[in-house]
Amino acid sequence: MNDLPKMALAHFGIYVVDMAVMADFYTRVLGFSITDRAEIRGANLVFLSRNPEEHHQIVLVPGRDAASASTINQIAFRVVSLAELRRVYILLRDEPRRPPKVPHLWPLKLLHLAGVN
């Protein structure tokens, strides 16, 4: 018998160094919409979603020190096909204003190894 909770991932929060840069990247490049902004415990948060039925899927939270490494290992997005994955890879690879020091945005090394560059 499996007594594990019946649940699904709803959202995650990311501490960011530069809110404007990260909000721009997630909206302009990855297609998220800013659904809300709020001041919580003195911090100005930005809520993002790609799903109109979800208030937010990502919360950007200020406060990460520029000298500190990201604590995020990876974030995965589903795409509809290998062709779309290639398109996203090229979009990210060629993005001139990608956020610095955000390694979780560049896990597409597998595509490079597979010769998709």
Protein backbone atom coordinates (compact mmCIF):
# COMPACT_ATOMS: atom_id res chain seq x y z
CA MET A 1 0.00 0.00 0.00
CA ASN A 2 1.35 3.42 -0.98
CA ASP A 3 0.58 6.12 1.58
CA LEU A 4 2.59 8.84 -0.12
CA PRO A 5 0.86 12.21 -0.54
CA LYS A 6 -0.98 12.78 -3.79
CA MET A 7 0.57 15.98 -5.04
CA ALA A 8 2.29 17.67 -7.98
CA LEU A 9 4.92 20.37 -8.14
CA ALA A 10 3.24 23.78 -8.22
CA HIS A 11 6.07 26.33 -8.35
CA PHE A 12 9.59 27.10 -7.21
CA GLY A 13 11.38 30.22 -6.08
CA ILE A 14 14.78 31.45 -7.20
CA TYR A 15 16.95 33.90 -5.29
CA VAL A 16 18.35 36.30 -7.88
CA VAL A 17 21.13 38.86 -7.98
CA ASP A 18 19.55 41.21 -10.54
CA MET A 19 15.75 41.13 -10.63
CA ALA A 20 15.43 43.18 -13.83
CA VAL A 21 17.84 40.98 -15.78
CA MET A 22 16.21 37.75 -14.64
CA ALA A 23 12.63 38.96 -15.18
CA ASP A 24 13.63 40.15 -18.67
CA PHE A 25 15.22 36.79 -19.50
CA TYR A 26 12.32 34.65 -18.30
CA THR A 27 9.75 36.83 -20.08
CA ARG A 28 11.50 37.87 -23.30
CA VAL A 29 13.48 34.68 -23.99
CA LEU A 30 11.53 31.87 -22.30
CA GLY A 31 8.04 33.30 -22.80
CA PHE A 32 6.87 33.58 -19.19
CA SER A 33 4.41 36.31 -18.26
CA ILE A 34 4.67 38.40 -15.13
CA THR A 35 1.45 37.56 -13.33
CA ASP A 36 1.98 39.50 -10.15
CA ARG A 37 4.40 41.49 -8.02
CA ALA A 38 4.34 41.65 -4.25
CA GLU A 39 6.34 42.92 -1.35
CA ILE A 40 6.73 40.11 1.15
CA ARG A 41 8.87 40.52 4.27
CA GLY A 42 10.47 43.59 2.73
CA ALA A 43 11.43 41.89 -0.56
CA ASN A 44 9.87 42.77 -3.92
CA LEU A 45 8.98 39.45 -5.56
CA VAL A 46 8.07 38.81 -9.19
CA PHE A 47 5.68 35.96 -10.04
CA LEU A 48 5.92 34.31 -13.48
CA SER A 49 3.86 31.75 -15.36
CA ARG A 50 3.51 30.25 -18.83
CA ASN A 51 0.19 28.67 -17.89
CA PRO A 52 -2.86 30.96 -17.72
CA GLU A 53 -4.43 28.59 -15.20
CA GLU A 54 -1.48 28.95 -12.79
CA HIS A 55 -0.95 32.20 -10.89
CA HIS A 56 2.75 31.44 -10.87
CA GLN A 57 5.18 28.69 -11.70
CA ILE A 58 8.33 30.63 -10.78
CA VAL A 59 8.91 33.25 -8.10
CA LEU A 60 11.93 35.52 -8.45
CA VAL A 61 13.18 36.68 -5.06
CA PRO A 62 15.90 39.31 -4.64
CA GLY A 63 18.74 38.83 -2.24
CA ARG A 64 21.30 36.46 -3.73
CA ASP A 65 24.81 37.86 -3.31
CA ALA A 66 26.58 38.39 -6.63
CA ALA A 67 29.62 36.52 -5.32
CA SER A 68 27.66 33.42 -4.34
CA ALA A 69 27.06 30.48 -6.62
CA SER A 70 23.58 29.46 -7.61
CA THR A 71 22.18 26.67 -5.46
CA ILE A 72 19.98 25.40 -8.29
CA ASN A 73 21.28 22.27 -9.96
CA GLN A 74 18.76 22.17 -12.79
CA ILE A 75 15.32 23.20 -13.92
CA ALA A 76 13.70 21.15 -16.67
CA PHE A 77 11.18 22.33 -19.24
CA ARG A 78 9.21 20.04 -21.52
CA VAL A 79 9.21 20.73 -25.23
CA VAL A 80 6.95 19.20 -27.87
CA SER A 81 9.63 17.70 -30.09
CA LEU A 82 13.33 17.24 -30.69
CA ALA A 83 13.11 19.96 -33.34
CA GLU A 84 11.72 22.37 -30.73
CA LEU A 85 14.48 21.38 -28.30
CA ARG A 86 17.04 22.22 -30.97
CA ARG A 87 15.32 25.57 -31.57
CA VAL A 88 15.41 26.37 -27.84
CA TYR A 89 19.07 25.34 -27.65
CA ILE A 90 19.97 27.74 -30.48
CA LEU A 91 17.86 30.50 -28.91
CA LEU A 92 19.66 30.12 -25.57
CA ARG A 93 23.09 29.65 -27.14
CA ASP A 94 22.73 32.84 -29.19
CA GLU A 95 21.04 34.99 -26.51
CA PRO A 96 23.27 38.08 -26.13
CA ARG A 97 21.75 39.22 -22.83
CA ARG A 98 21.65 35.95 -20.92
CA PRO A 99 21.99 36.34 -17.18
CA PRO A 100 25.51 35.84 -15.87
CA LYS A 101 26.29 33.12 -13.33
CA VAL A 102 23.04 31.23 -13.84
CA PRO A 103 24.25 27.71 -14.59
CA HIS A 104 20.79 26.15 -14.29
CA LEU A 105 19.83 27.83 -17.56
CA TRP A 106 22.49 26.04 -19.59
CA PRO A 107 22.05 22.27 -19.04
CA LEU A 108 21.70 21.71 -22.77
CA LYS A 109 25.22 20.31 -23.06
CA LEU A 110 23.70 17.00 -24.10
CA LEU A 111 22.59 18.63 -27.34
CA HIS A 112 26.10 19.90 -27.91
CA LEU A 113 27.50 16.42 -27.28
CA ALA A 114 24.94 15.02 -29.68
CA GLY A 115 26.10 17.45 -32.37
CA VAL A 116 23.10 19.74 -32.31
CA ASN A 117 25.09 22.94 -32.54
